[in-house]
Amino acid sequence: MVQILGEMEANNIINGLKHLSEGLFLPEEWIDWWKQNEKFAKQFLSSRWYLKIKPKMSQGLIGATLISQNAAREYLKSINQSYNENSQINYMEGWSKQIDNISLNYDKVYNIDF
């Protein structure tokens, strides 16, 4: 696949996935990076990995980043590519807070006293 894409583009995809795996992207930065590099990622990755890593925006910004991070880590391990597993940004913690806030707001909006 590297021969088709070129070594520079392939390295860019791997480095982007490493940055995501290491928590070096803010969620907004990951989504921006993906938008800029999706065409190359689609060519470089198999359909399976492309679909697993592609951000799932229905899960919100942080949820999409967390899901992509988990898939990117799995992919990098599958190709024996090392990365620092101690994330700079804890996407899981951010996602949990986001879910808690949704729950709290839901309770406030739909709390009916009889």
Protein backbone atom coordinates (compact mmCIF):
# COMPACT_ATOMS: atom_id res chain seq x y z
CA MET A 1 0.00 0.00 0.00
CA VAL A 2 2.93 2.34 0.71
CA GLN A 3 4.05 2.11 -2.92
CA ILE A 4 0.67 3.34 -4.14
CA LEU A 5 0.43 6.23 -1.71
CA GLY A 6 4.00 7.26 -1.32
CA GLU A 7 6.14 7.03 1.75
CA MET A 8 5.45 10.59 2.89
CA GLU A 9 1.67 10.14 2.92
CA ALA A 10 1.96 6.73 4.61
CA ASN A 11 4.18 8.21 7.33
CA ASN A 12 1.68 11.04 7.77
CA ILE A 13 -1.14 8.55 8.36
CA ILE A 14 0.91 6.47 10.82
CA ASN A 15 2.09 9.59 12.67
CA GLY A 16 -1.46 10.94 12.86
CA LEU A 17 -2.69 7.65 14.30
CA LYS A 18 0.20 7.63 16.78
CA HIS A 19 -0.66 11.18 17.87
CA LEU A 20 -4.28 10.16 18.35
CA SER A 21 -3.26 7.01 20.26
CA GLU A 22 -1.02 9.06 22.54
CA GLY A 23 -3.72 11.67 23.19
CA LEU A 24 -1.76 14.48 21.55
CA PHE A 25 -4.74 15.78 19.57
CA LEU A 26 -7.54 17.78 21.09
CA PRO A 27 -10.82 16.27 19.84
CA GLU A 28 -11.29 19.21 17.44
CA GLU A 29 -7.75 18.76 16.13
CA TRP A 30 -8.34 15.05 15.49
CA ILE A 31 -11.50 15.74 13.51
CA ASP A 32 -9.71 18.45 11.50
CA TRP A 33 -6.76 16.13 10.87
CA TRP A 34 -9.13 13.39 9.73
CA LYS A 35 -10.96 15.71 7.34
CA GLN A 36 -7.65 16.78 5.78
CA ASN A 37 -6.25 13.26 5.53
CA GLU A 38 -9.30 11.05 5.06
CA LYS A 39 -8.64 10.51 1.35
CA PHE A 40 -5.13 9.20 2.05
CA ALA A 41 -6.31 7.17 5.05
CA LYS A 42 -8.93 5.49 2.88
CA GLN A 43 -6.26 4.52 0.36
CA PHE A 44 -3.70 3.44 2.97
CA LEU A 45 -5.89 1.49 5.39
CA SER A 46 -7.92 -1.60 4.60
CA SER A 47 -11.68 -1.03 4.50
CA ARG A 48 -11.99 -2.68 7.90
CA TRP A 49 -9.47 -0.37 9.59
CA TYR A 50 -10.67 2.71 7.75
CA LEU A 51 -14.23 2.17 8.99
CA LYS A 52 -13.11 1.36 12.54
CA ILE A 53 -10.91 4.47 12.82
CA LYS A 54 -13.20 6.90 10.98
CA PRO A 55 -14.76 9.29 13.56
CA LYS A 56 -18.34 8.40 14.50
CA MET A 57 -19.77 11.90 14.93
CA SER A 58 -23.08 10.56 16.23
CA GLN A 59 -21.17 9.95 19.48
CA GLY A 60 -20.26 13.61 19.87
CA LEU A 61 -16.83 15.13 19.43
CA ILE A 62 -15.18 13.51 22.43
CA GLY A 63 -16.93 10.16 21.95
CA ALA A 64 -15.91 10.07 18.28
CA THR A 65 -12.31 10.79 19.26
CA LEU A 66 -12.32 8.10 21.94
CA ILE A 67 -13.70 5.47 19.56
CA SER A 68 -11.14 6.44 16.90
CA GLN A 69 -8.36 6.34 19.49
CA ASN A 70 -9.26 2.81 20.58
CA ALA A 71 -9.35 1.64 16.96
CA ALA A 72 -6.08 3.43 16.12
CA ARG A 73 -4.36 1.75 19.07
CA GLU A 74 -5.65 -1.63 17.95
CA TYR A 75 -4.43 -0.95 14.40
CA LEU A 76 -0.97 0.19 15.50
CA LYS A 77 -0.58 -2.93 17.64
CA SER A 78 -1.61 -5.08 14.66
CA ILE A 79 1.25 -3.66 12.59
CA ASN A 80 3.74 -3.76 15.51
CA GLN A 81 4.00 0.03 15.58
CA SER A 82 4.88 1.32 19.03
CA TYR A 83 3.30 4.34 20.70
CA ASN A 84 3.19 5.81 24.20
CA GLU A 85 0.12 4.38 25.91
CA ASN A 86 0.06 7.11 28.57
CA SER A 87 -2.33 9.55 26.92
CA GLN A 88 -1.75 13.26 27.30
CA ILE A 89 -5.50 13.83 27.03
CA ASN A 90 -7.92 11.43 28.70
CA TYR A 91 -10.73 11.15 26.13
CA MET A 92 -12.58 8.60 28.28
CA GLU A 93 -12.76 11.04 31.18
CA GLY A 94 -14.03 13.80 28.90
CA TRP A 95 -16.60 11.52 27.34
CA SER A 96 -17.84 10.37 30.75
CA LYS A 97 -18.26 14.00 31.83
CA GLN A 98 -20.15 14.73 28.62
CA ILE A 99 -22.52 11.80 29.23
CA ASP A 100 -23.01 12.89 32.86
CA ASN A 101 -23.87 16.42 31.74
CA ILE A 102 -26.40 15.11 29.25
CA SER A 103 -27.98 12.99 31.98
CA LEU A 104 -28.12 15.92 34.40
CA ASN A 105 -29.65 18.20 31.80
CA TYR A 106 -32.15 15.52 30.81
CA ASP A 107 -33.21 15.16 34.44
CA LYS A 108 -33.66 18.92 34.77
CA VAL A 109 -35.72 19.26 31.60
CA TYR A 110 -37.96 16.26 32.15
CA ASN A 111 -38.33 16.39 35.92
CA ILE A 112 -42.07 16.62 36.47
CA ASP A 113 -43.48 17.11 39.95
CA PHE A 114 -46.97 15.87 40.67
